[in-house]
């Protein structure tokens, strides 16, 4: 409990207080912060240091000019432009261009909306909790919970597609969660809120990962 509270810049009481419960109730990414009792997040102790984290083993895409992306057949049409916008946002800070591919299975980045148990050992839990998860390079799999109330923009009681896409793509490129609450890579999200610009912490993380590409 204390580790969770420290990760989210809460008072580390070790008890399930009101602020901790409130944070836990927010929609969030399904990529775990703590594995076998060890956190991957670097604690945001002050505003003068970066607190991005990389996925275990620092996986990343190879030195290529472009990555392909595709949507699973039947993907809702209103989701496609928000995903493209999110890719473009990351493209300013990665060495890649992104090219759409019709062949879903052949694409580097595969985007789909799933429900409940969907075959990857990480089932979704219905509306209001886990909104999405992603797999590290070079798997390129991004899953979004089809049971959520998705929207384009800041619509009350819904989750903004582009904001979550921006976050999950960060995992798809190799970033873990950040304890900087203003960062795209913070694990907790808000209903009815958009977050469509990378924080300096996100930019430092992605540049650290791909500096030698």
Foldseek 3Di string as FASTA:
>chain_A
DLVQCQLQVHDSPVDCDDVNVVQQQFAFAPPDQADPNRGQWAGCPDDPDFTWGFPPPLDADDPDAAFEEEEDPPADPVLVVLLVLLQVQCVVQANYDYHYDHPQVPGQAYEYEDAADDPPPRGDDAERYHAWAEAEPRNNYIYGHPRFAEDDAQDARGHHSNLVSNQRVLRHRTIAAYSPPLASRHGGDHHRDHNNHGDPSSSVVSCVSRVPD
